[in-house]
Structure formats: C-alpha cells, structure tokens
PDB file of N, CA and C in Angstrom:
ATOM      1  N   MET A   1     -24.613   9.471  52.781  1.00  0.00           N
ATOM      2  CA  MET A   1     -25.656   8.641  53.391  1.00  0.00           C
ATOM      3  C   MET A   1     -27.000   8.984  52.751  1.00  0.00           C
ATOM      4  N   ASP A   2     -27.682   7.977  52.191  1.00  0.00           N
ATOM      5  CA  ASP A   2     -28.974   8.262  51.572  1.00  0.00           C
ATOM      6  C   ASP A   2     -30.071   8.202  52.614  1.00  0.00           C
ATOM      7  N   GLU A   3     -31.052   9.071  52.443  1.00  0.00           N
ATOM      8  CA  GLU A   3     -32.140   9.153  53.404  1.00  0.00           C
ATOM      9  C   GLU A   3     -33.332   8.345  52.903  1.00  0.00           C
ATOM     10  N   SER A   4     -33.911   7.542  53.768  1.00  0.00           N
ATOM     11  CA  SER A   4     -35.094   6.769  53.408  1.00  0.00           C
ATOM     12  C   SER A   4     -36.284   7.714  53.277  1.00  0.00           C
ATOM     13  N   PRO A   5     -37.256   7.357  52.417  1.00  0.00           N
ATOM     14  CA  PRO A   5     -38.436   8.220  52.265  1.00  0.00           C
ATOM     15  C   PRO A   5     -39.210   8.327  53.578  1.00  0.00           C
ATOM     16  N   ARG A   6     -39.760   9.480  53.800  1.00  0.00           N
ATOM     17  CA  ARG A   6     -40.625   9.691  54.966  1.00  0.00           C
ATOM     18  C   ARG A   6     -42.068   9.440  54.539  1.00  0.00           C
ATOM     19  N   TYR A   7     -42.835   8.867  55.440  1.00  0.00           N
ATOM     20  CA  TYR A   7     -44.232   8.559  55.165  1.00  0.00           C
ATOM     21  C   TYR A   7     -45.110   9.288  56.158  1.00  0.00           C
ATOM     22  N   LYS A   8     -46.230   9.813  55.665  1.00  0.00           N
ATOM     23  CA  LYS A   8     -47.182  10.510  56.513  1.00  0.00           C
ATOM     24  C   LYS A   8     -48.320   9.555  56.838  1.00  0.00           C
ATOM     25  N   ILE A   9     -48.751   9.545  58.080  1.00  0.00           N
ATOM     26  CA  ILE A   9     -49.850   8.670  58.503  1.00  0.00           C
ATOM     27  C   ILE A   9     -51.166   9.280  58.031  1.00  0.00           C
ATOM     28  N   ASN A  10     -51.906   8.530  57.215  1.00  0.00           N
ATOM     29  CA  ASN A  10     -53.206   8.986  56.710  1.00  0.00           C
ATOM     30  C   ASN A  10     -54.371   8.424  57.516  1.00  0.00           C
ATOM     31  N   GLN A  11     -54.184   7.210  58.041  1.00  0.00           N
ATOM     32  CA  GLN A  11     -55.291   6.552  58.743  1.00  0.00           C
ATOM     33  C   GLN A  11     -54.721   5.580  59.759  1.00  0.00           C
ATOM     34  N   ILE A  12     -55.395   5.480  60.902  1.00  0.00           N
ATOM     35  CA  ILE A  12     -55.033   4.500  61.940  1.00  0.00           C
ATOM     36  C   ILE A  12     -56.275   3.683  62.251  1.00  0.00           C
ATOM     37  N   THR A  13     -56.122   2.343  62.202  1.00  0.00           N
ATOM     38  CA  THR A  13     -57.218   1.449  62.556  1.00  0.00           C
ATOM     39  C   THR A  13     -56.755   0.612  63.737  1.00  0.00           C
ATOM     40  N   ASP A  14     -57.434   0.775  64.859  1.00  0.00           N
ATOM     41  CA  ASP A  14     -57.052   0.084  66.093  1.00  0.00           C
ATOM     42  C   ASP A  14     -58.071  -1.004  66.385  1.00  0.00           C
ATOM     43  N   SER A  15     -57.640  -2.282  66.320  1.00  0.00           N
ATOM     44  CA  SER A  15     -58.557  -3.390  66.584  1.00  0.00           C
ATOM     45  C   SER A  15     -58.473  -3.871  68.030  1.00  0.00           C
ATOM     46  N   GLY A  16     -57.685  -3.187  68.834  1.00  0.00           N
ATOM     47  CA  GLY A  16     -57.515  -3.600  70.221  1.00  0.00           C
ATOM     48  C   GLY A  16     -56.233  -4.376  70.410  1.00  0.00           C
ATOM     49  N   VAL A  17     -56.015  -5.411  69.608  1.00  0.00           N
ATOM     50  CA  VAL A  17     -54.800  -6.220  69.682  1.00  0.00           C
ATOM     51  C   VAL A  17     -53.747  -5.685  68.721  1.00  0.00           C
ATOM     52  N   ASN A  18     -54.190  -5.355  67.503  1.00  0.00           N
ATOM     53  CA  ASN A  18     -53.293  -4.853  66.471  1.00  0.00           C
ATOM     54  C   ASN A  18     -53.672  -3.429  66.079  1.00  0.00           C
ATOM     55  N   VAL A  19     -52.689  -2.721  65.541  1.00  0.00           N
ATOM     56  CA  VAL A  19     -52.910  -1.379  65.026  1.00  0.00           C
ATOM     57  C   VAL A  19     -52.448  -1.372  63.572  1.00  0.00           C
ATOM     58  N   ALA A  20     -53.311  -0.904  62.662  1.00  0.00           N
ATOM     59  CA  ALA A  20     -52.963  -0.811  61.244  1.00  0.00           C
ATOM     60  C   ALA A  20     -52.778   0.662  60.888  1.00  0.00           C
ATOM     61  N   LEU A  21     -51.650   0.971  60.263  1.00  0.00           N
ATOM     62  CA  LEU A  21     -51.355   2.329  59.825  1.00  0.00           C
ATOM     63  C   LEU A  21     -51.378   2.363  58.304  1.00  0.00           C
ATOM     64  N   THR A  22     -52.062   3.319  57.729  1.00  0.00           N
ATOM     65  CA  THR A  22     -52.019   3.548  56.293  1.00  0.00           C
ATOM     66  C   THR A  22     -51.183   4.796  56.076  1.00  0.00           C
ATOM     67  N   LEU A  23     -50.103   4.632  55.303  1.00  0.00           N
ATOM     68  CA  LEU A  23     -49.128   5.700  55.124  1.00  0.00           C
ATOM     69  C   LEU A  23     -48.996   6.059  53.652  1.00  0.00           C
ATOM     70  N   SER A  24     -48.659   7.301  53.372  1.00  0.00           N
ATOM     71  CA  SER A  24     -48.328   7.705  52.007  1.00  0.00           C
ATOM     72  C   SER A  24     -47.029   8.484  52.058  1.00  0.00           C
ATOM     73  N   GLU A  25     -46.294   8.409  50.969  1.00  0.00           N
ATOM     74  CA  GLU A  25     -45.015   9.095  50.891  1.00  0.00           C
ATOM     75  C   GLU A  25     -45.230  10.586  51.136  1.00  0.00           C
ATOM     76  N   ASP A  26     -44.448  11.160  52.020  1.00  0.00           N
ATOM     77  CA  ASP A  26     -44.588  12.566  52.372  1.00  0.00           C
ATOM     78  C   ASP A  26     -43.559  13.369  51.586  1.00  0.00           C
ATOM     79  N   LEU A  27     -43.990  13.884  50.441  1.00  0.00           N
ATOM     80  CA  LEU A  27     -43.096  14.639  49.570  1.00  0.00           C
ATOM     81  C   LEU A  27     -43.595  16.058  49.423  1.00  0.00           C
ATOM     82  N   GLU A  28     -42.653  16.973  49.335  1.00  0.00           N
ATOM     83  CA  GLU A  28     -43.016  18.339  49.003  1.00  0.00           C
ATOM     84  C   GLU A  28     -42.853  18.472  47.499  1.00  0.00           C
ATOM     85  N   LEU A  29     -43.977  18.626  46.834  1.00  0.00           N
ATOM     86  CA  LEU A  29     -43.962  18.685  45.376  1.00  0.00           C
ATOM     87  C   LEU A  29     -44.273  20.097  44.908  1.00  0.00           C
ATOM     88  N   GLU A  30     -43.660  20.449  43.807  1.00  0.00           N
ATOM     89  CA  GLU A  30     -44.016  21.710  43.177  1.00  0.00           C
ATOM     90  C   GLU A  30     -45.279  21.442  42.377  1.00  0.00           C
ATOM     91  N   THR A  31     -46.317  22.202  42.659  1.00  0.00           N
ATOM     92  CA  THR A  31     -47.560  22.004  41.935  1.00  0.00           C
ATOM     93  C   THR A  31     -47.460  22.680  40.578  1.00  0.00           C
ATOM     94  N   ILE A  32     -48.203  22.164  39.643  1.00  0.00           N
ATOM     95  CA  ILE A  32     -48.189  22.692  38.286  1.00  0.00           C
ATOM     96  C   ILE A  32     -49.635  22.869  37.850  1.00  0.00           C
ATOM     97  N   SER A  33     -49.920  23.937  37.136  1.00  0.00           N
ATOM     98  CA  SER A  33     -51.293  24.179  36.711  1.00  0.00           C
ATOM     99  C   SER A  33     -51.561  23.474  35.388  1.00  0.00           C
ATOM    100  N   GLN A  34     -52.836  23.221  35.136  1.00  0.00           N
ATOM    101  CA  GLN A  34     -53.225  22.615  33.863  1.00  0.00           C
ATOM    102  C   GLN A  34     -52.815  23.531  32.718  1.00  0.00           C
ATOM    103  N   GLN A  35     -52.910  24.827  32.950  1.00  0.00           N
ATOM    104  CA  GLN A  35     -52.532  25.799  31.932  1.00  0.00           C
ATOM    105  C   GLN A  35     -51.069  25.612  31.535  1.00  0.00           C
ATOM    106  N   GLN A  36     -50.213  25.483  32.529  1.00  0.00           N
ATOM    107  CA  GLN A  36     -48.790  25.301  32.265  1.00  0.00           C
ATOM    108  C   GLN A  36     -48.536  23.992  31.506  1.00  0.00           C
ATOM    109  N   LEU A  37     -49.218  22.923  31.896  1.00  0.00           N
ATOM    110  CA  LEU A  37     -49.070  21.647  31.194  1.00  0.00           C
ATOM    111  C   LEU A  37     -49.499  21.750  29.733  1.00  0.00           C
ATOM    112  N   MET A  38     -50.601  22.447  29.488  1.00  0.00           N
ATOM    113  CA  MET A  38     -51.096  22.587  28.118  1.00  0.00           C
ATOM    114  C   MET A  38     -50.126  23.408  27.265  1.00  0.00           C
ATOM    115  N   LEU A  39     -49.616  24.497  27.804  1.00  0.00           N
ATOM    116  CA  LEU A  39     -48.682  25.333  27.048  1.00  0.00           C
ATOM    117  C   LEU A  39     -47.389  24.577  26.742  1.00  0.00           C
ATOM    118  N   GLU A  40     -46.905  23.799  27.710  1.00  0.00           N
ATOM    119  CA  GLU A  40     -45.704  23.003  27.464  1.00  0.00           C
ATOM    120  C   GLU A  40     -45.951  21.943  26.393  1.00  0.00           C
ATOM    121  N   SER A  41     -47.131  21.355  26.412  1.00  0.00           N
ATOM    122  CA  SER A  41     -47.481  20.357  25.406  1.00  0.00           C
ATOM    123  C   SER A  41     -47.539  20.979  24.013  1.00  0.00           C
ATOM    124  N   ILE A  42     -48.139  22.144  23.917  1.00  0.00           N
ATOM    125  CA  ILE A  42     -48.221  22.842  22.638  1.00  0.00           C
ATOM    126  C   ILE A  42     -46.831  23.217  22.147  1.00  0.00           C
ATOM    127  N   ASP A  43     -45.968  23.657  23.045  1.00  0.00           N
ATOM    128  CA  ASP A  43     -44.592  23.998  22.663  1.00  0.00           C
ATOM    129  C   ASP A  43     -43.863  22.795  22.064  1.00  0.00           C
ATOM    130  N   ARG A  44     -44.147  21.611  22.581  1.00  0.00           N
ATOM    131  CA  ARG A  44     -43.504  20.403  22.065  1.00  0.00           C
ATOM    132  C   ARG A  44     -44.062  20.011  20.699  1.00  0.00           C
ATOM    133  N   VAL A  45     -45.362  20.213  20.508  1.00  0.00           N
ATOM    134  CA  VAL A  45     -46.027  19.765  19.289  1.00  0.00           C
ATOM    135  C   VAL A  45     -45.753  20.710  18.111  1.00  0.00           C
ATOM    136  N   ILE A  46     -45.842  22.013  18.352  1.00  0.00           N
ATOM    137  CA  ILE A  46     -45.636  22.988  17.277  1.00  0.00           C
ATOM    138  C   ILE A  46     -44.146  23.284  17.177  1.00  0.00           C
ATOM    139  N   THR A  47     -43.564  22.883  16.070  1.00  0.00           N
ATOM    140  CA  THR A  47     -42.116  23.053  15.892  1.00  0.00           C
ATOM    141  C   THR A  47     -41.758  24.335  15.153  1.00  0.00           C
ATOM    142  N   ASP A  48     -42.667  24.872  14.382  1.00  0.00           N
ATOM    143  CA  ASP A  48     -42.418  26.087  13.621  1.00  0.00           C
ATOM    144  C   ASP A  48     -42.455  27.296  14.558  1.00  0.00           C
ATOM    145  N   LYS A  49     -41.338  27.992  14.658  1.00  0.00           N
ATOM    146  CA  LYS A  49     -41.208  29.121  15.594  1.00  0.00           C
ATOM    147  C   LYS A  49     -42.212  30.232  15.285  1.00  0.00           C
ATOM    148  N   GLU A  50     -42.414  30.518  14.008  1.00  0.00           N
ATOM    149  CA  GLU A  50     -43.320  31.601  13.611  1.00  0.00           C
ATOM    150  C   GLU A  50     -44.772  31.278  13.993  1.00  0.00           C
ATOM    151  N   VAL A  51     -45.182  30.048  13.740  1.00  0.00           N
ATOM    152  CA  VAL A  51     -46.542  29.620  14.100  1.00  0.00           C
ATOM    153  C   VAL A  51     -46.703  29.656  15.622  1.00  0.00           C
ATOM    154  N   LYS A  52     -45.698  29.198  16.326  1.00  0.00           N
ATOM    155  CA  LYS A  52     -45.731  29.189  17.794  1.00  0.00           C
ATOM    156  C   LYS A  52     -45.890  30.613  18.332  1.00  0.00           C
ATOM    157  N   GLU A  53     -45.170  31.568  17.750  1.00  0.00           N
ATOM    158  CA  GLU A  53     -45.244  32.964  18.199  1.00  0.00           C
ATOM    159  C   GLU A  53     -46.625  33.570  17.940  1.00  0.00           C
ATOM    160  N   GLN A  54     -47.325  33.080  16.924  1.00  0.00           N
ATOM    161  CA  GLN A  54     -48.666  33.581  16.619  1.00  0.00           C
ATOM    162  C   GLN A  54     -49.728  32.912  17.491  1.00  0.00           C
ATOM    163  N   VAL A  55     -49.579  31.622  17.725  1.00  0.00           N
ATOM    164  CA  VAL A  55     -50.593  30.849  18.434  1.00  0.00           C
ATOM    165  C   VAL A  55     -50.503  31.015  19.958  1.00  0.00           C
ATOM    166  N   ARG A  56     -49.312  31.053  20.482  1.00  0.00           N
ATOM    167  CA  ARG A  56     -49.125  31.064  21.938  1.00  0.00           C
ATOM    168  C   ARG A  56     -49.842  32.230  22.642  1.00  0.00           C
ATOM    169  N   PRO A  57     -49.739  33.478  22.174  1.00  0.00           N
ATOM    170  CA  PRO A  57     -50.454  34.567  22.870  1.00  0.00           C
ATOM    171  C   PRO A  57     -51.970  34.370  22.902  1.00  0.00           C
ATOM    172  N   ILE A  58     -52.518  33.812  21.836  1.00  0.00           N
ATOM    173  CA  ILE A  58     -53.967  33.557  21.795  1.00  0.00           C
ATOM    174  C   ILE A  58     -54.329  32.490  22.824  1.00  0.00           C
ATOM    175  N   LEU A  59     -53.563  31.408  22.847  1.00  0.00           N
ATOM    176  CA  LEU A  59     -53.826  30.335  23.817  1.00  0.00           C
ATOM    177  C   LEU A  59     -53.660  30.828  25.252  1.00  0.00           C
ATOM    178  N   GLU A  60     -52.630  31.612  25.510  1.00  0.00           N
ATOM    179  CA  GLU A  60     -52.429  32.146  26.859  1.00  0.00           C
ATOM    180  C   GLU A  60     -53.613  33.006  27.287  1.00  0.00           C
ATOM    181  N   ALA A  61     -54.135  33.824  26.372  1.00  0.00           N
ATOM    182  CA  ALA A  61     -55.293  34.667  26.681  1.00  0.00           C
ATOM    183  C   ALA A  61     -56.516  33.811  27.006  1.00  0.00           C
ATOM    184  N   ILE A  62     -56.729  32.762  26.217  1.00  0.00           N
ATOM    185  CA  ILE A  62     -57.875  31.874  26.450  1.00  0.00           C
ATOM    186  C   ILE A  62     -57.713  31.151  27.787  1.00  0.00           C
ATOM    187  N   LEU A  63     -56.518  30.604  28.016  1.00  0.00           N
ATOM    188  CA  LEU A  63     -56.289  29.832  29.244  1.00  0.00           C
ATOM    189  C   LEU A  63     -56.301  30.716  30.486  1.00  0.00           C
ATOM    190  N   ASN A  64     -55.851  31.956  30.377  1.00  0.00           N
ATOM    191  CA  ASN A  64     -55.860  32.867  31.527  1.00  0.00           C
ATOM    192  C   ASN A  64     -57.275  33.234  31.949  1.00  0.00           C
ATOM    193  N   SER A  65     -58.226  33.162  31.017  1.00  0.00           N
ATOM    194  CA  SER A  65     -59.607  33.492  31.355  1.00  0.00           C
ATOM    195  C   SER A  65     -60.320  32.332  32.058  1.00  0.00           C
ATOM    196  N   GLN A  66     -59.724  31.154  32.029  1.00  0.00           N
ATOM    197  CA  GLN A  66     -60.302  29.963  32.660  1.00  0.00           C
ATOM    198  C   GLN A  66     -59.803  29.847  34.104  1.00  0.00           C
ATOM    199  N   PRO A  67     -60.619  29.263  34.994  1.00  0.00           N
ATOM    200  CA  PRO A  67     -60.120  29.008  36.351  1.00  0.00           C
ATOM    201  C   PRO A  67     -58.957  28.020  36.297  1.00  0.00           C
ATOM    202  N   GLN A  68     -57.945  28.279  37.109  1.00  0.00           N
ATOM    203  CA  GLN A  68     -56.770  27.409  37.090  1.00  0.00           C
ATOM    204  C   GLN A  68     -56.958  26.230  38.034  1.00  0.00           C
ATOM    205  N   THR A  69     -56.624  25.068  37.541  1.00  0.00           N
ATOM    206  CA  THR A  69     -56.662  23.852  38.338  1.00  0.00           C
ATOM    207  C   THR A  69     -55.233  23.407  38.572  1.00  0.00           C
ATOM    208  N   VAL A  70     -54.862  23.232  39.828  1.00  0.00           N
ATOM    209  CA  VAL A  70     -53.514  22.820  40.164  1.00  0.00           C
ATOM    210  C   VAL A  70     -53.436  21.307  40.153  1.00  0.00           C
ATOM    211  N   VAL A  71     -52.389  20.769  39.551  1.00  0.00           N
ATOM    212  CA  VAL A  71     -52.219  19.331  39.389  1.00  0.00           C
ATOM    213  C   VAL A  71     -50.932  18.911  40.084  1.00  0.00           C
ATOM    214  N   LYS A  72     -50.974  17.829  40.820  1.00  0.00           N
ATOM    215  CA  LYS A  72     -49.757  17.241  41.375  1.00  0.00           C
ATOM    216  C   LYS A  72     -49.368  16.099  40.459  1.00  0.00           C
ATOM    217  N   THR A  73     -48.182  16.160  39.936  1.00  0.00           N
ATOM    218  CA  THR A  73     -47.773  15.177  38.944  1.00  0.00           C
ATOM    219  C   THR A  73     -46.847  14.139  39.565  1.00  0.00           C
ATOM    220  N   TYR A  74     -47.385  13.326  40.465  1.00  0.00           N
ATOM    221  CA  TYR A  74     -46.581  12.296  41.095  1.00  0.00           C
ATOM    222  C   TYR A  74     -47.503  11.185  41.591  1.00  0.00           C
ATOM    223  N   ALA A  75     -47.183   9.979  41.254  1.00  0.00           N
ATOM    224  CA  ALA A  75     -47.951   8.841  41.763  1.00  0.00           C
ATOM    225  C   ALA A  75     -47.338   8.442  43.108  1.00  0.00           C
ATOM    226  N   GLU A  76     -48.082   8.674  44.162  1.00  0.00           N
ATOM    227  CA  GLU A  76     -47.496   8.430  45.476  1.00  0.00           C
ATOM    228  C   GLU A  76     -47.505   6.955  45.849  1.00  0.00           C
ATOM    229  N   THR A  77     -46.540   6.592  46.672  1.00  0.00           N
ATOM    230  CA  THR A  77     -46.434   5.244  47.197  1.00  0.00           C
ATOM    231  C   THR A  77     -47.263   5.181  48.477  1.00  0.00           C
ATOM    232  N   ILE A  78     -48.080   4.160  48.592  1.00  0.00           N
ATOM    233  CA  ILE A  78     -48.902   3.983  49.792  1.00  0.00           C
ATOM    234  C   ILE A  78     -48.538   2.648  50.422  1.00  0.00           C
ATOM    235  N   VAL A  79     -48.359   2.667  51.737  1.00  0.00           N
ATOM    236  CA  VAL A  79     -47.955   1.480  52.483  1.00  0.00           C
ATOM    237  C   VAL A  79     -48.953   1.275  53.621  1.00  0.00           C
ATOM    238  N   GLN A  80     -49.324   0.027  53.859  1.00  0.00           N
ATOM    239  CA  GLN A  80     -50.149  -0.273  55.019  1.00  0.00           C
ATOM    240  C   GLN A  80     -49.379  -1.252  55.896  1.00  0.00           C
ATOM    241  N   ILE A  81     -49.286  -0.915  57.167  1.00  0.00           N
ATOM    242  CA  ILE A  81     -48.539  -1.736  58.124  1.00  0.00           C
ATOM    243  C   ILE A  81     -49.474  -2.118  59.267  1.00  0.00           C
ATOM    244  N   THR A  82     -49.505  -3.398  59.585  1.00  0.00           N
ATOM    245  CA  THR A  82     -50.244  -3.859  60.763  1.00  0.00           C
ATOM    246  C   THR A  82     -49.227  -4.383  61.752  1.00  0.00           C
ATOM    247  N   MET A  83     -49.340  -3.923  62.994  1.00  0.00           N
ATOM    248  CA  MET A  83     -48.379  -4.310  64.024  1.00  0.00           C
ATOM    249  C   MET A  83     -49.099  -4.538  65.347  1.00  0.00           C
ATOM    250  N   PRO A  84     -48.459  -5.299  66.231  1.00  0.00           N
ATOM    251  CA  PRO A  84     -49.045  -5.478  67.558  1.00  0.00           C
ATOM    252  C   PRO A  84     -49.106  -4.130  68.291  1.00  0.00           C
ATOM    253  N   ARG A  85     -50.130  -3.980  69.111  1.00  0.00           N
ATOM    254  CA  ARG A  85     -50.316  -2.736  69.859  1.00  0.00           C
ATOM    255  C   ARG A  85     -49.063  -2.358  70.643  1.00  0.00           C
ATOM    256  N   ARG A  86     -48.367  -3.310  71.221  1.00  0.00           N
ATOM    257  CA  ARG A  86     -47.160  -3.042  72.022  1.00  0.00           C
ATOM    258  C   ARG A  86     -46.086  -2.350  71.175  1.00  0.00           C
ATOM    259  N   ARG A  87     -45.882  -2.853  69.959  1.00  0.00           N
ATOM    260  CA  ARG A  87     -44.874  -2.228  69.076  1.00  0.00           C
ATOM    261  C   ARG A  87     -45.294  -0.805  68.717  1.00  0.00           C
ATOM    262  N   TYR A  88     -46.592  -0.602  68.443  1.00  0.00           N
ATOM    263  CA  TYR A  88     -47.120   0.732  68.138  1.00  0.00           C
ATOM    264  C   TYR A  88     -46.848   1.693  69.297  1.00  0.00           C
ATOM    265  N   GLU A  89     -47.075   1.225  70.497  1.00  0.00           N
ATOM    266  CA  GLU A  89     -46.812   2.059  71.677  1.00  0.00           C
ATOM    267  C   GLU A  89     -45.311   2.312  71.850  1.00  0.00           C
ATOM    268  N   ASN A  90     -44.464   1.325  71.495  1.00  0.00           N
ATOM    269  CA  ASN A  90     -43.015   1.492  71.618  1.00  0.00           C
ATOM    270  C   ASN A  90     -42.451   2.540  70.651  1.00  0.00           C
ATOM    271  N   ILE A  91     -43.143   2.775  69.537  1.00  0.00           N
ATOM    272  CA  ILE A  91     -42.663   3.813  68.618  1.00  0.00           C
ATOM    273  C   ILE A  91     -43.298   5.172  68.931  1.00  0.00           C
ATOM    274  N   GLY A  92     -43.966   5.259  70.058  1.00  0.00           N
ATOM    275  CA  GLY A  92     -44.485   6.549  70.519  1.00  0.00           C
ATOM    276  C   GLY A  92     -45.933   6.834  70.157  1.00  0.00           C
ATOM    277  N   SER A  93     -46.691   5.829  69.746  1.00  0.00           N
ATOM    278  CA  SER A  93     -48.102   5.986  69.384  1.00  0.00           C
ATOM    279  C   SER A  93     -48.338   7.198  68.475  1.00  0.00           C
ATOM    280  N   PRO A  94     -47.734   7.200  67.281  1.00  0.00           N
ATOM    281  CA  PRO A  94     -47.904   8.352  66.393  1.00  0.00           C
ATOM    282  C   PRO A  94     -49.351   8.540  65.969  1.00  0.00           C
ATOM    283  N   LYS A  95     -49.712   9.777  65.681  1.00  0.00           N
ATOM    284  CA  LYS A  95     -51.084  10.141  65.309  1.00  0.00           C
ATOM    285  C   LYS A  95     -51.171  10.440  63.806  1.00  0.00           C
ATOM    286  N   VAL A  96     -52.409  10.545  63.302  1.00  0.00           N
ATOM    287  CA  VAL A  96     -52.646  10.895  61.903  1.00  0.00           C
ATOM    288  C   VAL A  96     -52.008  12.251  61.621  1.00  0.00           C
ATOM    289  N   GLY A  97     -51.301  12.334  60.484  1.00  0.00           N
ATOM    290  CA  GLY A  97     -50.636  13.566  60.096  1.00  0.00           C
ATOM    291  C   GLY A  97     -49.166  13.597  60.468  1.00  0.00           C
ATOM    292  N   GLU A  98     -48.756  12.758  61.427  1.00  0.00           N
ATOM    293  CA  GLU A  98     -47.347  12.710  61.811  1.00  0.00           C
ATOM    294  C   GLU A  98     -46.557  11.909  60.785  1.00  0.00           C
ATOM    295  N   GLN A  99     -45.247  12.085  60.811  1.00  0.00           N
ATOM    296  CA  GLN A  99     -44.364  11.393  59.876  1.00  0.00           C
ATOM    297  C   GLN A  99     -43.703  10.200  60.536  1.00  0.00           C
ATOM    298  N   LEU A 100     -43.422   9.190  59.706  1.00  0.00           N
ATOM    299  CA  LEU A 100     -42.630   8.043  60.124  1.00  0.00           C
ATOM    300  C   LEU A 100     -41.521   7.847  59.109  1.00  0.00           C
ATOM    301  N   LEU A 101     -40.394   7.416  59.567  1.00  0.00           N
ATOM    302  CA  LEU A 101     -39.283   7.083  58.689  1.00  0.00           C
ATOM    303  C   LEU A 101     -39.241   5.573  58.578  1.00  0.00           C
ATOM    304  N   ILE A 102     -39.390   5.071  57.354  1.00  0.00           N
ATOM    305  CA  ILE A 102     -39.415   3.627  57.122  1.00  0.00           C
ATOM    306  C   ILE A 102     -38.281   3.297  56.177  1.00  0.00           C
ATOM    307  N   ASP A 103     -37.458   2.353  56.556  1.00  0.00           N
ATOM    308  CA  ASP A 103     -36.319   1.972  55.742  1.00  0.00           C
ATOM    309  C   ASP A 103     -36.650   0.660  55.036  1.00  0.00           C
ATOM    310  N   ILE A 104     -37.010   0.766  53.771  1.00  0.00           N
ATOM    311  CA  ILE A 104     -37.333  -0.435  52.979  1.00  0.00           C
ATOM    312  C   ILE A 104     -36.265  -0.565  51.911  1.00  0.00           C
ATOM    313  N   ARG A 105     -35.463  -1.594  52.034  1.00  0.00           N
ATOM    314  CA  ARG A 105     -34.455  -1.860  51.001  1.00  0.00           C
ATOM    315  C   ARG A 105     -34.057  -3.311  51.013  1.00  0.00           C
ATOM    316  N   ARG A 106     -33.472  -3.676  49.955  1.00  0.00           N
ATOM    317  CA  ARG A 106     -33.025  -5.055  49.802  1.00  0.00           C
ATOM    318  C   ARG A 106     -31.741  -5.266  50.575  1.00  0.00           C
ATOM    319  N   PRO A 107     -31.600  -6.382  51.306  1.00  0.00           N
ATOM    320  CA  PRO A 107     -30.378  -6.621  52.086  1.00  0.00           C
ATOM    321  C   PRO A 107     -29.181  -6.886  51.194  1.00  0.00           C
TER     322      PRO A 107
END
C-alpha cells in the first residue's frame, strides 16, 4: 500500500464563510552543506586521480575556514485549498504546523 504525501499547514486564512489552507509537503530531508556540494562537484570535474589528491586537501582547508551554509536540495510542492467552514470544522479544525494527509491521484 503506497502512502500519500503528508502536507504541513503553513498558513490559514479564515474569511468567515470559507477557510483557505496553504500547505507544503512535509518531508524529512537530509540537509547538505555548500561545502559538501562544492567538493562533490570538484570530484566530478577533476578526473585525474593525482591532481584530485593534490587539490582536494587545499580546497577542504579553504572551505573549512568558511562558515557553513546548509542547503535543502528539494523543490517542495505547495497546495492551497479553500473549503467551506463546516468542512474545515469536520476535519477537526487543524492549526498551523499540524499535518494533513491528502490523497491526490488520478482515478
């Protein structure tokens, strides 16, 4: 059985009659540093093993002296749903930060 993606509520807009939820895919991602991305890129570009062995320690020393910036490498899916207030209340009136399970697929 495949599991539908879970979405985290980022924003709720209540107009009185309707409620609009802005959701983003709730994924646990492994973060990667810019340093790691740069070293992997250099490994792909430099094919000569001897040159790589000489250059890599120098680059690692330079990059280690720089502040590390963590990068999330995933383009998240964002969904906005507007529903009648009654339906919103029937699903338990979820709050910002809570998860919703949404099943979107072709019949």
